[in-house]
PDB file of N, CA and C in Angstrom:
ATOM      1  N   MET A   1     -21.678 -11.853  27.710  1.00  0.00           N
ATOM      2  CA  MET A   1     -21.628 -11.168  26.422  1.00  0.00           C
ATOM      3  C   MET A   1     -22.990 -11.257  25.761  1.00  0.00           C
ATOM      4  N   ASN A   2     -23.452 -10.188  25.217  1.00  0.00           N
ATOM      5  CA  ASN A   2     -24.752 -10.119  24.584  1.00  0.00           C
ATOM      6  C   ASN A   2     -24.623 -10.576  23.134  1.00  0.00           C
ATOM      7  N   ALA A   3     -25.322 -11.635  22.765  1.00  0.00           N
ATOM      8  CA  ALA A   3     -25.240 -12.182  21.414  1.00  0.00           C
ATOM      9  C   ALA A   3     -26.196 -11.488  20.455  1.00  0.00           C
ATOM     10  N   LYS A   4     -27.156 -10.710  20.992  1.00  0.00           N
ATOM     11  CA  LYS A   4     -28.128 -10.038  20.135  1.00  0.00           C
ATOM     12  C   LYS A   4     -27.549  -8.741  19.586  1.00  0.00           C
ATOM     13  N   PRO A   5     -27.779  -8.466  18.296  1.00  0.00           N
ATOM     14  CA  PRO A   5     -27.305  -7.192  17.748  1.00  0.00           C
ATOM     15  C   PRO A   5     -28.093  -6.032  18.339  1.00  0.00           C
ATOM     16  N   ASP A   6     -27.424  -4.925  18.507  1.00  0.00           N
ATOM     17  CA  ASP A   6     -28.058  -3.724  19.038  1.00  0.00           C
ATOM     18  C   ASP A   6     -28.821  -3.031  17.902  1.00  0.00           C
ATOM     19  N   PRO A   7     -30.150  -2.962  17.988  1.00  0.00           N
ATOM     20  CA  PRO A   7     -30.921  -2.355  16.891  1.00  0.00           C
ATOM     21  C   PRO A   7     -30.669  -0.854  16.763  1.00  0.00           C
ATOM     22  N   ASN A   8     -30.130  -0.228  17.791  1.00  0.00           N
ATOM     23  CA  ASN A   8     -29.878   1.214  17.740  1.00  0.00           C
ATOM     24  C   ASN A   8     -28.503   1.568  17.195  1.00  0.00           C
ATOM     25  N   SER A   9     -27.653   0.582  17.013  1.00  0.00           N
ATOM     26  CA  SER A   9     -26.300   0.886  16.540  1.00  0.00           C
ATOM     27  C   SER A   9     -26.318   1.163  15.043  1.00  0.00           C
ATOM     28  N   GLN A  10     -25.461   2.055  14.631  1.00  0.00           N
ATOM     29  CA  GLN A  10     -25.328   2.414  13.226  1.00  0.00           C
ATOM     30  C   GLN A  10     -24.204   1.575  12.605  1.00  0.00           C
ATOM     31  N   PRO A  11     -24.372   1.145  11.379  1.00  0.00           N
ATOM     32  CA  PRO A  11     -23.277   0.410  10.732  1.00  0.00           C
ATOM     33  C   PRO A  11     -22.086   1.334  10.508  1.00  0.00           C
ATOM     34  N   ASP A  12     -20.898   0.742  10.438  1.00  0.00           N
ATOM     35  CA  ASP A  12     -19.710   1.541  10.150  1.00  0.00           C
ATOM     36  C   ASP A  12     -19.865   2.195   8.790  1.00  0.00           C
ATOM     37  N   PRO A  13     -19.516   3.471   8.683  1.00  0.00           N
ATOM     38  CA  PRO A  13     -19.614   4.127   7.375  1.00  0.00           C
ATOM     39  C   PRO A  13     -18.570   3.552   6.414  1.00  0.00           C
ATOM     40  N   VAL A  14     -18.873   3.631   5.174  1.00  0.00           N
ATOM     41  CA  VAL A  14     -17.955   3.160   4.147  1.00  0.00           C
ATOM     42  C   VAL A  14     -16.824   4.166   4.004  1.00  0.00           C
ATOM     43  N   THR A  15     -15.606   3.679   3.958  1.00  0.00           N
ATOM     44  CA  THR A  15     -14.455   4.555   3.780  1.00  0.00           C
ATOM     45  C   THR A  15     -14.453   5.078   2.346  1.00  0.00           C
ATOM     46  N   PRO A  16     -14.323   6.384   2.167  1.00  0.00           N
ATOM     47  CA  PRO A  16     -14.305   6.937   0.811  1.00  0.00           C
ATOM     48  C   PRO A  16     -13.133   6.381   0.008  1.00  0.00           C
ATOM     49  N   ASP A  17     -13.368   6.188  -1.262  1.00  0.00           N
ATOM     50  CA  ASP A  17     -12.365   5.617  -2.149  1.00  0.00           C
ATOM     51  C   ASP A  17     -11.070   6.414  -2.129  1.00  0.00           C
ATOM     52  N   SER A  18     -11.168   7.727  -2.022  1.00  0.00           N
ATOM     53  CA  SER A  18      -9.965   8.558  -2.042  1.00  0.00           C
ATOM     54  C   SER A  18      -9.055   8.302  -0.849  1.00  0.00           C
ATOM     55  N   LEU A  19      -9.615   7.782   0.251  1.00  0.00           N
ATOM     56  CA  LEU A  19      -8.794   7.476   1.419  1.00  0.00           C
ATOM     57  C   LEU A  19      -8.180   6.085   1.345  1.00  0.00           C
ATOM     58  N   LEU A  20      -8.713   5.224   0.503  1.00  0.00           N
ATOM     59  CA  LEU A  20      -8.200   3.871   0.388  1.00  0.00           C
ATOM     60  C   LEU A  20      -6.979   3.791  -0.519  1.00  0.00           C
ATOM     61  N   HIS A  21      -6.888   4.682  -1.454  1.00  0.00           N
ATOM     62  CA  HIS A  21      -5.794   4.640  -2.419  1.00  0.00           C
ATOM     63  C   HIS A  21      -4.617   5.463  -1.926  1.00  0.00           C
ATOM     64  N   THR A  22      -3.450   4.938  -2.139  1.00  0.00           N
ATOM     65  CA  THR A  22      -2.262   5.699  -1.796  1.00  0.00           C
ATOM     66  C   THR A  22      -1.720   6.322  -3.064  1.00  0.00           C
ATOM     67  N   GLY A  23      -1.091   7.408  -2.915  1.00  0.00           N
ATOM     68  CA  GLY A  23      -0.471   8.048  -4.052  1.00  0.00           C
ATOM     69  C   GLY A  23       1.015   8.154  -3.801  1.00  0.00           C
ATOM     70  N   SER A  24       1.769   8.042  -4.842  1.00  0.00           N
ATOM     71  CA  SER A  24       3.209   8.179  -4.679  1.00  0.00           C
ATOM     72  C   SER A  24       3.600   9.618  -4.980  1.00  0.00           C
ATOM     73  N   GLY A  25       2.935  10.532  -4.308  1.00  0.00           N
ATOM     74  CA  GLY A  25       3.198  11.943  -4.517  1.00  0.00           C
ATOM     75  C   GLY A  25       4.551  12.378  -3.988  1.00  0.00           C
ATOM     76  N   GLY A  26       5.112  11.617  -3.070  1.00  0.00           N
ATOM     77  CA  GLY A  26       6.417  11.944  -2.519  1.00  0.00           C
ATOM     78  C   GLY A  26       7.500  11.091  -3.147  1.00  0.00           C
ATOM     79  N   ASP A  27       8.673  11.186  -2.578  1.00  0.00           N
ATOM     80  CA  ASP A  27       9.776  10.368  -3.073  1.00  0.00           C
ATOM     81  C   ASP A  27       9.542   8.911  -2.694  1.00  0.00           C
ATOM     82  N   VAL A  28       9.744   8.031  -3.645  1.00  0.00           N
ATOM     83  CA  VAL A  28       9.592   6.599  -3.426  1.00  0.00           C
ATOM     84  C   VAL A  28      10.984   6.001  -3.335  1.00  0.00           C
ATOM     85  N   THR A  29      11.208   5.222  -2.294  1.00  0.00           N
ATOM     86  CA  THR A  29      12.506   4.582  -2.126  1.00  0.00           C
ATOM     87  C   THR A  29      12.410   3.110  -2.509  1.00  0.00           C
ATOM     88  N   ALA A  30      13.565   2.510  -2.688  1.00  0.00           N
ATOM     89  CA  ALA A  30      13.607   1.080  -2.987  1.00  0.00           C
ATOM     90  C   ALA A  30      12.986   0.286  -1.843  1.00  0.00           C
ATOM     91  N   GLU A  31      13.199   0.742  -0.619  1.00  0.00           N
ATOM     92  CA  GLU A  31      12.607   0.064   0.540  1.00  0.00           C
ATOM     93  C   GLU A  31      11.086   0.145   0.498  1.00  0.00           C
ATOM     94  N   ASP A  32      10.536   1.288   0.096  1.00  0.00           N
ATOM     95  CA  ASP A  32       9.083   1.425  -0.049  1.00  0.00           C
ATOM     96  C   ASP A  32       8.545   0.393  -1.033  1.00  0.00           C
ATOM     97  N   LEU A  33       9.239   0.264  -2.132  1.00  0.00           N
ATOM     98  CA  LEU A  33       8.809  -0.668  -3.169  1.00  0.00           C
ATOM     99  C   LEU A  33       8.860  -2.106  -2.668  1.00  0.00           C
ATOM    100  N   LEU A  34       9.896  -2.438  -1.929  1.00  0.00           N
ATOM    101  CA  LEU A  34      10.005  -3.790  -1.380  1.00  0.00           C
ATOM    102  C   LEU A  34       8.896  -4.081  -0.380  1.00  0.00           C
ATOM    103  N   LEU A  35       8.642  -3.154   0.518  1.00  0.00           N
ATOM    104  CA  LEU A  35       7.602  -3.371   1.519  1.00  0.00           C
ATOM    105  C   LEU A  35       6.228  -3.497   0.863  1.00  0.00           C
ATOM    106  N   ALA A  36       5.965  -2.691  -0.157  1.00  0.00           N
ATOM    107  CA  ALA A  36       4.681  -2.758  -0.847  1.00  0.00           C
ATOM    108  C   ALA A  36       4.523  -4.065  -1.614  1.00  0.00           C
ATOM    109  N   SER A  37       5.635  -4.631  -2.053  1.00  0.00           N
ATOM    110  CA  SER A  37       5.566  -5.876  -2.812  1.00  0.00           C
ATOM    111  C   SER A  37       5.582  -7.100  -1.907  1.00  0.00           C
ATOM    112  N   GLY A  38       5.823  -6.890  -0.610  1.00  0.00           N
ATOM    113  CA  GLY A  38       5.847  -8.010   0.318  1.00  0.00           C
ATOM    114  C   GLY A  38       7.166  -8.752   0.347  1.00  0.00           C
ATOM    115  N   ARG A  39       8.177  -8.189  -0.259  1.00  0.00           N
ATOM    116  CA  ARG A  39       9.491  -8.835  -0.292  1.00  0.00           C
ATOM    117  C   ARG A  39      10.319  -8.423   0.916  1.00  0.00           C
ATOM    118  N   ASP A  40      11.227  -9.292   1.283  1.00  0.00           N
ATOM    119  CA  ASP A  40      12.164  -8.974   2.358  1.00  0.00           C
ATOM    120  C   ASP A  40      13.204  -7.991   1.857  1.00  0.00           C
ATOM    121  N   ILE A  41      13.744  -7.198   2.775  1.00  0.00           N
ATOM    122  CA  ILE A  41      14.802  -6.259   2.410  1.00  0.00           C
ATOM    123  C   ILE A  41      16.126  -7.010   2.465  1.00  0.00           C
ATOM    124  N   THR A  42      16.561  -7.426   1.297  1.00  0.00           N
ATOM    125  CA  THR A  42      17.844  -8.114   1.135  1.00  0.00           C
ATOM    126  C   THR A  42      18.615  -7.365   0.055  1.00  0.00           C
ATOM    127  N   PRO A  43      19.915  -7.566  -0.028  1.00  0.00           N
ATOM    128  CA  PRO A  43      20.679  -6.888  -1.085  1.00  0.00           C
ATOM    129  C   PRO A  43      20.152  -7.205  -2.489  1.00  0.00           C
ATOM    130  N   GLU A  44      19.766  -8.438  -2.722  1.00  0.00           N
ATOM    131  CA  GLU A  44      19.256  -8.816  -4.049  1.00  0.00           C
ATOM    132  C   GLU A  44      17.932  -8.117  -4.348  1.00  0.00           C
ATOM    133  N   ASN A  45      17.042  -8.099  -3.358  1.00  0.00           N
ATOM    134  CA  ASN A  45      15.755  -7.451  -3.564  1.00  0.00           C
ATOM    135  C   ASN A  45      15.897  -5.940  -3.688  1.00  0.00           C
ATOM    136  N   LEU A  46      16.829  -5.356  -2.951  1.00  0.00           N
ATOM    137  CA  LEU A  46      17.082  -3.914  -3.092  1.00  0.00           C
ATOM    138  C   LEU A  46      17.562  -3.586  -4.500  1.00  0.00           C
ATOM    139  N   ALA A  47      18.419  -4.446  -5.047  1.00  0.00           N
ATOM    140  CA  ALA A  47      18.899  -4.233  -6.414  1.00  0.00           C
ATOM    141  C   ALA A  47      17.733  -4.302  -7.397  1.00  0.00           C
ATOM    142  N   TRP A  48      16.821  -5.262  -7.189  1.00  0.00           N
ATOM    143  CA  TRP A  48      15.634  -5.382  -8.045  1.00  0.00           C
ATOM    144  C   TRP A  48      14.794  -4.110  -7.968  1.00  0.00           C
ATOM    145  N   ALA A  49      14.556  -3.642  -6.739  1.00  0.00           N
ATOM    146  CA  ALA A  49      13.725  -2.459  -6.548  1.00  0.00           C
ATOM    147  C   ALA A  49      14.368  -1.218  -7.161  1.00  0.00           C
ATOM    148  N   LYS A  50      15.660  -1.087  -7.023  1.00  0.00           N
ATOM    149  CA  LYS A  50      16.352   0.068  -7.612  1.00  0.00           C
ATOM    150  C   LYS A  50      16.256   0.045  -9.128  1.00  0.00           C
ATOM    151  N   ARG A  51      16.394  -1.137  -9.722  1.00  0.00           N
ATOM    152  CA  ARG A  51      16.260  -1.250 -11.187  1.00  0.00           C
ATOM    153  C   ARG A  51      14.839  -0.894 -11.615  1.00  0.00           C
ATOM    154  N   LYS A  52      13.862  -1.382 -10.860  1.00  0.00           N
ATOM    155  CA  LYS A  52      12.462  -1.114 -11.192  1.00  0.00           C
ATOM    156  C   LYS A  52      12.155   0.383 -11.085  1.00  0.00           C
ATOM    157  N   LEU A  53      12.664   1.023 -10.034  1.00  0.00           N
ATOM    158  CA  LEU A  53      12.458   2.467  -9.895  1.00  0.00           C
ATOM    159  C   LEU A  53      13.166   3.244 -10.990  1.00  0.00           C
ATOM    160  N   ALA A  54      14.323   2.764 -11.400  1.00  0.00           N
ATOM    161  CA  ALA A  54      15.067   3.453 -12.455  1.00  0.00           C
ATOM    162  C   ALA A  54      14.320   3.402 -13.789  1.00  0.00           C
ATOM    163  N   THR A  55      13.635   2.301 -14.050  1.00  0.00           N
ATOM    164  CA  THR A  55      12.936   2.170 -15.326  1.00  0.00           C
ATOM    165  C   THR A  55      11.507   2.706 -15.284  1.00  0.00           C
ATOM    166  N   GLU A  56      10.824   2.536 -14.130  1.00  0.00           N
ATOM    167  CA  GLU A  56       9.410   2.903 -14.065  1.00  0.00           C
ATOM    168  C   GLU A  56       9.130   4.148 -13.231  1.00  0.00           C
ATOM    169  N   GLY A  57      10.086   4.555 -12.426  1.00  0.00           N
ATOM    170  CA  GLY A  57       9.877   5.702 -11.552  1.00  0.00           C
ATOM    171  C   GLY A  57       8.855   5.383 -10.467  1.00  0.00           C
ATOM    172  N   ALA A  58       8.211   6.425  -9.939  1.00  0.00           N
ATOM    173  CA  ALA A  58       7.251   6.263  -8.850  1.00  0.00           C
ATOM    174  C   ALA A  58       6.041   5.429  -9.274  1.00  0.00           C
ATOM    175  N   ALA A  59       5.806   5.294 -10.567  1.00  0.00           N
ATOM    176  CA  ALA A  59       4.688   4.490 -11.045  1.00  0.00           C
ATOM    177  C   ALA A  59       4.856   3.021 -10.656  1.00  0.00           C
ATOM    178  N   ALA A  60       6.090   2.599 -10.380  1.00  0.00           N
ATOM    179  CA  ALA A  60       6.310   1.215  -9.951  1.00  0.00           C
ATOM    180  C   ALA A  60       5.553   0.934  -8.666  1.00  0.00           C
ATOM    181  N   LEU A  61       5.506   1.901  -7.761  1.00  0.00           N
ATOM    182  CA  LEU A  61       4.760   1.733  -6.511  1.00  0.00           C
ATOM    183  C   LEU A  61       3.260   1.756  -6.771  1.00  0.00           C
ATOM    184  N   ASP A  62       2.820   2.628  -7.652  1.00  0.00           N
ATOM    185  CA  ASP A  62       1.395   2.715  -7.978  1.00  0.00           C
ATOM    186  C   ASP A  62       0.872   1.410  -8.554  1.00  0.00           C
ATOM    187  N   LYS A  63       1.715   0.685  -9.275  1.00  0.00           N
ATOM    188  CA  LYS A  63       1.293  -0.584  -9.871  1.00  0.00           C
ATOM    189  C   LYS A  63       1.098  -1.662  -8.809  1.00  0.00           C
ATOM    190  N   LEU A  64       1.768  -1.511  -7.666  1.00  0.00           N
ATOM    191  CA  LEU A  64       1.659  -2.512  -6.611  1.00  0.00           C
ATOM    192  C   LEU A  64       0.539  -2.228  -5.633  1.00  0.00           C
ATOM    193  N   LEU A  65       0.195  -0.965  -5.475  1.00  0.00           N
ATOM    194  CA  LEU A  65      -0.811  -0.564  -4.498  1.00  0.00           C
ATOM    195  C   LEU A  65      -2.095  -0.162  -5.194  1.00  0.00           C
ATOM    196  N   PRO A  66      -3.223  -0.303  -4.471  1.00  0.00           N
ATOM    197  CA  PRO A  66      -4.502   0.084  -5.089  1.00  0.00           C
ATOM    198  C   PRO A  66      -4.586   1.567  -5.384  1.00  0.00           C
TER     199      PRO A  66
END
């Protein structure tokens, strides 16, 4: 394995900000909200997610994701 950096290689380009952010332009489900929050899909957590979606709508997902 060559330990020296290749002087001819180009650095990885920076990912544009618009590609890093997700938008909740589509329908957001309780499962989506749970996965984005890092919670397990359990009946209790599903109830939490459904309540959160009922009060905050799709913005609940936007608050969890960049």
